Structures are given as C-alpha cells and as structure tokens.
C-alpha atoms as a PDB file:
ATOM      1  CA  UNK A   1      -0.102   0.260  -0.238  1.00  0.00           C
ATOM      2  CA  UNK A   2       0.893   3.497  -0.424  1.00  0.00           C
ATOM      3  CA  UNK A   3       0.730   5.089   3.316  1.00  0.00           C
ATOM      4  CA  UNK A   4       1.135   8.878   3.879  1.00  0.00           C
ATOM      5  CA  UNK A   5       1.483  10.509   7.011  1.00  0.00           C
ATOM      6  CA  UNK A   6       0.870  14.101   7.589  1.00  0.00           C
ATOM      7  CA  UNK A   7       1.781  16.247  10.921  1.00  0.00           C
ATOM      8  CA  UNK A   8       3.505  19.402  11.682  1.00  0.00           C
ATOM      9  CA  UNK A   9       7.100  18.296  11.590  1.00  0.00           C
ATOM     10  CA  UNK A  10       9.763  15.731  11.429  1.00  0.00           C
ATOM     11  CA  UNK A  11      10.764  16.026  14.939  1.00  0.00           C
ATOM     12  CA  UNK A  12       6.886  15.151  16.062  1.00  0.00           C
ATOM     13  CA  UNK A  13       7.067  12.039  13.145  1.00  0.00           C
ATOM     14  CA  UNK A  14      10.414  10.719  14.606  1.00  0.00           C
ATOM     15  CA  UNK A  15       9.812  11.123  18.011  1.00  0.00           C
ATOM     16  CA  UNK A  16       6.449   9.699  17.878  1.00  0.00           C
ATOM     17  CA  UNK A  17       5.550   7.823  15.074  1.00  0.00           C
ATOM     18  CA  UNK A  18       8.978   6.397  13.862  1.00  0.00           C
ATOM     19  CA  UNK A  19       8.245   2.879  15.089  1.00  0.00           C
ATOM     20  CA  UNK A  20       4.875   2.679  13.076  1.00  0.00           C
ATOM     21  CA  UNK A  21       6.422   3.963  10.091  1.00  0.00           C
ATOM     22  CA  UNK A  22       9.175   1.388  10.637  1.00  0.00           C
ATOM     23  CA  UNK A  23       6.703  -1.659  10.924  1.00  0.00           C
ATOM     24  CA  UNK A  24       5.016  -0.111   7.958  1.00  0.00           C
ATOM     25  CA  UNK A  25       8.114  -0.024   6.031  1.00  0.00           C
ATOM     26  CA  UNK A  26       9.099  -3.575   6.964  1.00  0.00           C
ATOM     27  CA  UNK A  27       6.048  -4.915   5.972  1.00  0.00           C
ATOM     28  CA  UNK A  28       6.738  -3.590   2.540  1.00  0.00           C
ATOM     29  CA  UNK A  29       4.586  -0.559   2.482  1.00  0.00           C
ATOM     30  CA  UNK A  30       5.386   2.661   0.624  1.00  0.00           C
ATOM     31  CA  UNK A  31       5.594   5.373   3.395  1.00  0.00           C
ATOM     32  CA  UNK A  32       5.503   8.983   2.693  1.00  0.00           C
ATOM     33  CA  UNK A  33       5.504  11.914   5.171  1.00  0.00           C
ATOM     34  CA  UNK A  34       4.105  15.403   4.671  1.00  0.00           C
ATOM     35  CA  UNK A  35       5.450  18.170   7.445  1.00  0.00           C
ATOM     36  CA  UNK A  36       7.761  20.854   7.579  1.00  0.00           C
ATOM     37  CA  UNK A  37      11.736  19.756   7.670  1.00  0.00           C
ATOM     38  CA  UNK A  38      13.249  20.213  11.216  1.00  0.00           C
ATOM     39  CA  UNK A  39      15.370  17.813  12.949  1.00  0.00           C
ATOM     40  CA  UNK A  40      15.405  13.627  12.374  1.00  0.00           C
ATOM     41  CA  UNK A  41      14.820  14.442   8.468  1.00  0.00           C
ATOM     42  CA  UNK A  42      18.152  12.256   7.542  1.00  0.00           C
ATOM     43  CA  UNK A  43      17.047   9.592   9.781  1.00  0.00           C
ATOM     44  CA  UNK A  44      13.589   9.259   8.368  1.00  0.00           C
ATOM     45  CA  UNK A  45      15.089   9.099   5.035  1.00  0.00           C
ATOM     46  CA  UNK A  46      17.448   6.276   6.093  1.00  0.00           C
ATOM     47  CA  UNK A  47      14.852   3.796   6.845  1.00  0.00           C
ATOM     48  CA  UNK A  48      13.045   4.456   3.785  1.00  0.00           C
ATOM     49  CA  UNK A  49      10.370   7.096   4.243  1.00  0.00           C
ATOM     50  CA  UNK A  50       9.796   9.857   1.326  1.00  0.00           C
ATOM     51  CA  UNK A  51       9.421  13.231   2.683  1.00  0.00           C
ATOM     52  CA  UNK A  52       7.979  16.349   1.271  1.00  0.00           C
ATOM     53  CA  UNK A  53       8.917  19.490   2.812  1.00  0.00           C
ATOM     54  CA  UNK A  54       5.385  21.238   3.780  1.00  0.00           C
ATOM     55  CA  UNK A  55       5.838  24.414   6.036  1.00  0.00           C
ATOM     56  CA  UNK A  56       2.774  24.044   8.133  1.00  0.00           C
ATOM     57  CA  UNK A  57       2.903  27.491  10.185  1.00  0.00           C
ATOM     58  CA  UNK A  58       1.369  25.786  12.998  1.00  0.00           C
ATOM     59  CA  UNK A  59       0.744  28.729  15.092  1.00  0.00           C
ATOM     60  CA  UNK A  60      -0.218  30.922  12.212  1.00  0.00           C
ATOM     61  CA  UNK A  61      -3.791  32.703  11.761  1.00  0.00           C
ATOM     62  CA  UNK A  62      -3.361  34.147   8.053  1.00  0.00           C
ATOM     63  CA  UNK A  63      -6.288  32.585   5.905  1.00  0.00           C
ATOM     64  CA  UNK A  64      -4.124  33.180   3.050  1.00  0.00           C
ATOM     65  CA  UNK A  65      -1.502  30.900   4.460  1.00  0.00           C
ATOM     66  CA  UNK A  66      -3.835  28.404   5.407  1.00  0.00           C
ATOM     67  CA  UNK A  67      -4.949  28.577   1.608  1.00  0.00           C
ATOM     68  CA  UNK A  68      -1.710  28.072   0.005  1.00  0.00           C
ATOM     69  CA  UNK A  69      -1.271  24.993   2.804  1.00  0.00           C
ATOM     70  CA  UNK A  70      -4.408  23.363   1.464  1.00  0.00           C
ATOM     71  CA  UNK A  71      -3.160  24.053  -2.364  1.00  0.00           C
ATOM     72  CA  UNK A  72       0.247  22.381  -1.390  1.00  0.00           C
ATOM     73  CA  UNK A  73      -1.817  19.390   0.323  1.00  0.00           C
ATOM     74  CA  UNK A  74      -3.558  19.056  -2.667  1.00  0.00           C
ATOM     75  CA  UNK A  75      -0.837  19.009  -5.103  1.00  0.00           C
ATOM     76  CA  UNK A  76       1.249  16.502  -3.482  1.00  0.00           C
ATOM     77  CA  UNK A  77      -1.533  13.962  -2.764  1.00  0.00           C
ATOM     78  CA  UNK A  78      -2.767  14.214  -6.266  1.00  0.00           C
ATOM     79  CA  UNK A  79       0.719  13.306  -6.971  1.00  0.00           C
ATOM     80  CA  UNK A  80       1.397  10.478  -5.038  1.00  0.00           C
ATOM     81  CA  UNK A  81      -2.168   8.988  -4.991  1.00  0.00           C
ATOM     82  CA  UNK A  82      -1.938   7.157  -1.441  1.00  0.00           C
ATOM     83  CA  UNK A  83      -4.428   4.642  -0.655  1.00  0.00           C
ATOM     84  CA  UNK A  84      -4.751   5.687   2.512  1.00  0.00           C
ATOM     85  CA  UNK A  85      -3.661   9.019   4.838  1.00  0.00           C
ATOM     86  CA  UNK A  86      -3.111   9.298   8.282  1.00  0.00           C
ATOM     87  CA  UNK A  87      -3.161  12.932   9.881  1.00  0.00           C
ATOM     88  CA  UNK A  88      -1.772  14.391  12.923  1.00  0.00           C
ATOM     89  CA  UNK A  89      -1.904  17.724  14.966  1.00  0.00           C
ATOM     90  CA  UNK A  90      -4.426  20.494  14.123  1.00  0.00           C
ATOM     91  CA  UNK A  91      -3.690  21.760  10.352  1.00  0.00           C
ATOM     92  CA  UNK A  92      -3.263  18.893   9.050  1.00  0.00           C
ATOM     93  CA  UNK A  93      -6.200  17.369  10.521  1.00  0.00           C
ATOM     94  CA  UNK A  94      -7.992  20.139   9.297  1.00  0.00           C
ATOM     95  CA  UNK A  95      -6.776  21.171   5.874  1.00  0.00           C
ATOM     96  CA  UNK A  96      -5.349  17.385   4.677  1.00  0.00           C
ATOM     97  CA  UNK A  97      -8.464  16.149   5.898  1.00  0.00           C
ATOM     98  CA  UNK A  98     -10.538  18.698   3.737  1.00  0.00           C
ATOM     99  CA  UNK A  99      -8.381  18.194   0.633  1.00  0.00           C
ATOM    100  CA  UNK A 100      -8.450  13.981   1.249  1.00  0.00           C
ATOM    101  CA  UNK A 101     -12.263  14.144   1.337  1.00  0.00           C
ATOM    102  CA  UNK A 102     -12.468  15.982  -1.906  1.00  0.00           C
ATOM    103  CA  UNK A 103      -9.983  13.545  -3.769  1.00  0.00           C
ATOM    104  CA  UNK A 104     -11.623  10.819  -2.388  1.00  0.00           C
ATOM    105  CA  UNK A 105      -8.486   9.308  -0.252  1.00  0.00           C
ATOM    106  CA  UNK A 106      -9.484   7.435   2.868  1.00  0.00           C
ATOM    107  CA  UNK A 107      -7.839   9.206   5.600  1.00  0.00           C
ATOM    108  CA  UNK A 108      -7.404   8.714   9.390  1.00  0.00           C
ATOM    109  CA  UNK A 109      -7.324  11.668  11.974  1.00  0.00           C
ATOM    110  CA  UNK A 110      -5.557  11.472  15.001  1.00  0.00           C
ATOM    111  CA  UNK A 111      -6.514  14.215  17.511  1.00  0.00           C
ATOM    112  CA  UNK A 112      -3.512  14.906  19.526  1.00  0.00           C
ATOM    113  CA  UNK A 113      -4.791  17.758  21.077  1.00  0.00           C
ATOM    114  CA  UNK A 114      -7.140  20.780  20.255  1.00  0.00           C
ATOM    115  CA  UNK A 115      -5.011  24.078  20.793  1.00  0.00           C
ATOM    116  CA  UNK A 116      -5.832  27.412  22.098  1.00  0.00           C
ATOM    117  CA  UNK A 117      -7.862  28.764  19.056  1.00  0.00           C
ATOM    118  CA  UNK A 118     -10.160  25.587  19.541  1.00  0.00           C
ATOM    119  CA  UNK A 119     -10.343  25.738  23.345  1.00  0.00           C
ATOM    120  CA  UNK A 120     -10.546  29.520  24.071  1.00  0.00           C
ATOM    121  CA  UNK A 121     -14.121  30.746  23.820  1.00  0.00           C
ATOM    122  CA  UNK A 122     -14.704  33.631  21.276  1.00  0.00           C
ATOM    123  CA  UNK A 123     -14.945  34.388  17.672  1.00  0.00           C
ATOM    124  CA  UNK A 124     -11.932  32.307  17.017  1.00  0.00           C
ATOM    125  CA  UNK A 125     -13.104  29.319  18.496  1.00  0.00           C
ATOM    126  CA  UNK A 126     -16.313  29.461  16.154  1.00  0.00           C
ATOM    127  CA  UNK A 127     -14.342  29.435  12.980  1.00  0.00           C
ATOM    128  CA  UNK A 128     -11.948  26.595  14.043  1.00  0.00           C
ATOM    129  CA  UNK A 129     -14.612  24.355  15.182  1.00  0.00           C
ATOM    130  CA  UNK A 130     -16.378  24.742  12.003  1.00  0.00           C
ATOM    131  CA  UNK A 131     -13.240  24.231  10.302  1.00  0.00           C
ATOM    132  CA  UNK A 132     -12.259  21.185  12.214  1.00  0.00           C
ATOM    133  CA  UNK A 133     -15.944  19.754  11.689  1.00  0.00           C
ATOM    134  CA  UNK A 134     -15.328  20.315   7.807  1.00  0.00           C
ATOM    135  CA  UNK A 135     -11.824  18.640   8.050  1.00  0.00           C
ATOM    136  CA  UNK A 136     -13.142  15.304  10.039  1.00  0.00           C
ATOM    137  CA  UNK A 137     -16.146  14.884   7.970  1.00  0.00           C
ATOM    138  CA  UNK A 138     -15.175  12.331   5.696  1.00  0.00           C
ATOM    139  CA  UNK A 139     -12.953  10.625   8.191  1.00  0.00           C
ATOM    140  CA  UNK A 140     -12.807   6.557   8.021  1.00  0.00           C
ATOM    141  CA  UNK A 141     -11.629   6.535  11.565  1.00  0.00           C
ATOM    142  CA  UNK A 142     -10.874   9.495  14.308  1.00  0.00           C
ATOM    143  CA  UNK A 143      -8.176   8.383  17.292  1.00  0.00           C
ATOM    144  CA  UNK A 144      -8.283  10.518  20.343  1.00  0.00           C
ATOM    145  CA  UNK A 145      -5.665  10.790  22.738  1.00  0.00           C
ATOM    146  CA  UNK A 146      -7.640  11.784  25.539  1.00  0.00           C
ATOM    147  CA  UNK A 147     -11.516  11.653  26.778  1.00  0.00           C
ATOM    148  CA  UNK A 148     -11.757  15.407  27.131  1.00  0.00           C
ATOM    149  CA  UNK A 149     -11.294  15.962  23.318  1.00  0.00           C
ATOM    150  CA  UNK A 150     -13.504  13.388  22.406  1.00  0.00           C
ATOM    151  CA  UNK A 151     -15.969  14.751  24.799  1.00  0.00           C
ATOM    152  CA  UNK A 152     -15.760  18.498  23.199  1.00  0.00           C
ATOM    153  CA  UNK A 153     -16.036  17.136  19.727  1.00  0.00           C
ATOM    154  CA  UNK A 154     -19.366  15.756  20.806  1.00  0.00           C
ATOM    155  CA  UNK A 155     -20.879  18.369  22.733  1.00  0.00           C
ATOM    156  CA  UNK A 156     -20.202  20.956  19.821  1.00  0.00           C
ATOM    157  CA  UNK A 157     -21.484  18.183  16.976  1.00  0.00           C
ATOM    158  CA  UNK A 158     -18.033  18.131  15.433  1.00  0.00           C
ATOM    159  CA  UNK A 159     -18.318  14.215  15.385  1.00  0.00           C
ATOM    160  CA  UNK A 160     -19.044  12.773  11.834  1.00  0.00           C
ATOM    161  CA  UNK A 161     -21.971  10.231  11.716  1.00  0.00           C
ATOM    162  CA  UNK A 162     -20.045   7.698   9.356  1.00  0.00           C
ATOM    163  CA  UNK A 163     -16.554   7.779  11.285  1.00  0.00           C
ATOM    164  CA  UNK A 164     -15.331   5.125  13.655  1.00  0.00           C
ATOM    165  CA  UNK A 165     -14.054   6.897  16.978  1.00  0.00           C
ATOM    166  CA  UNK A 166     -11.489   5.541  18.926  1.00  0.00           C
ATOM    167  CA  UNK A 167      -9.777   6.434  22.655  1.00  0.00           C
ATOM    168  CA  UNK A 168      -6.198   5.561  22.599  1.00  0.00           C
ATOM    169  CA  UNK A 169      -5.069   4.503  25.691  1.00  0.00           C
ATOM    170  CA  UNK A 170      -1.692   6.723  24.935  1.00  0.00           C
ATOM    171  CA  UNK A 171       1.183   6.770  22.723  1.00  0.00           C
ATOM    172  CA  UNK A 172       3.664   5.086  24.512  1.00  0.00           C
ATOM    173  CA  UNK A 173       6.682   5.346  25.104  1.00  0.00           C
ATOM    174  CA  UNK A 174       9.654   3.367  23.352  1.00  0.00           C
ATOM    175  CA  UNK A 175      11.568   1.478  26.537  1.00  0.00           C
ATOM    176  CA  UNK A 176      14.644   0.778  24.265  1.00  0.00           C
ATOM    177  CA  UNK A 177      14.946   4.268  23.218  1.00  0.00           C
ATOM    178  CA  UNK A 178      14.099   5.801  26.510  1.00  0.00           C
ATOM    179  CA  UNK A 179      15.116   3.313  29.110  1.00  0.00           C
ATOM    180  CA  UNK A 180      14.072   3.560  32.948  1.00  0.00           C
ATOM    181  CA  UNK A 181      17.263   5.044  34.716  1.00  0.00           C
ATOM    182  CA  UNK A 182      18.033   4.330  38.193  1.00  0.00           C
ATOM    183  CA  UNK A 183      17.014   6.894  40.682  1.00  0.00           C
ATOM    184  CA  UNK A 184      20.395   8.812  42.042  1.00  0.00           C
ATOM    185  CA  UNK A 185      19.760   9.973  45.462  1.00  0.00           C
ATOM    186  CA  UNK A 186      21.423  13.241  46.228  1.00  0.00           C
ATOM    187  CA  UNK A 187      21.240  15.815  49.349  1.00  0.00           C
ATOM    188  CA  UNK A 188      19.252  18.075  47.836  1.00  0.00           C
ATOM    189  CA  UNK A 189      15.355  17.867  46.410  1.00  0.00           C
ATOM    190  CA  UNK A 190      14.567  18.786  42.913  1.00  0.00           C
ATOM    191  CA  UNK A 191      11.036  18.710  41.279  1.00  0.00           C
ATOM    192  CA  UNK A 192      10.288  18.757  37.403  1.00  0.00           C
ATOM    193  CA  UNK A 193       7.057  19.988  36.428  1.00  0.00           C
ATOM    194  CA  UNK A 194       6.226  18.865  32.598  1.00  0.00           C
ATOM    195  CA  UNK A 195       2.857  20.190  31.512  1.00  0.00           C
ATOM    196  CA  UNK A 196       1.252  21.886  28.479  1.00  0.00           C
END
C-alpha cells in the first residue's frame, strides 16, 4: 500500500510515530511523510520514508497562508495518490482532511490536542470548530488521545456520523530508546514540572 502520514514537522514524526513508520516499511508498504523539515530528516529518509517539505505554520492564523497550505496538500496528494492518509496535529487534521475528502482518499485522523484557538471561547473558536468539523467530516476513523477532546467534539456536534471513533490509551514510550534509569539519591530535592 501507499501510506501517507501528515504532521506538523519531522521532529514530531520521528519522536512519536517512528516505530509505526518503520513497521509499515518493514511490511513492504511505501510510506511518505508530508511535514515541515526540522530535526531527524536524514534518519527518517534512512529507514525508507519519502519526505515532502510542507511548511505548516502551526501557530499562524493568516487565511491566505492556510489556503496556500491546502493547495500544497492537494498538489502532493494528487501526485502520490496514497491508498490511505494518517493526519496528526490540528492544521493537518483540518486542511489535509478537507483535501482527502475532496480527492476521495480514505483518511484517519489523530486528534493529539485541540490547541488554544479551538479551546478558548470567542469568535476564533467558532471559526476553528467549524473548520475542524469540515476537516474530519469524511474521516474513516478518528483517534483521540484523551476523553476531554472526544467529549469536546461530541458536545459541539463536530463528530461525523460515519466515522469510527476510538480513544487511545496513550501514545506509549519505546523503552529501548528511553530506558528506565536508576534513581540517583542526592542531598538536595529537585522538582520537575512537565505540562502543556
């Protein structure tokens, strides 16, 4: 199969989807990735991914830039003709989703978070929720990383009727790449706070 992954950047793809890509390539599938080139580009190419540099502008709110992004998705997807597309992150979910629906390409959406433009009440939220609803309208499957995002979609009528909806138990961690390290006691106590 020709399988395409679309995300914000190569760093996200490498750190959070690498094992999936490697397994698909190992099984003989042709895997392409559309995203902005940041770190790990060479590593992704080394294990067989065909990469397309698409500057996502993940924090941008300029509608002309977003139209340009949609045109890039359209041009590349029409050229490579994938059998299925996996989208990750907000703009790929929305704009690549619309393009896949228009081109009749089956696609699977992974909602990795909603972002402030969707979560914060106001005019921008009204626009972004409508766009998100259009982006996922033709999805075959929608994966959610947490119940809160899934509930947000349901409460606002953003969930398409035909899509299969799945709540993931988390993305997981490769313990060979990120092994458990022994705790090193010391005289001082340090706290680490990790949040979004």
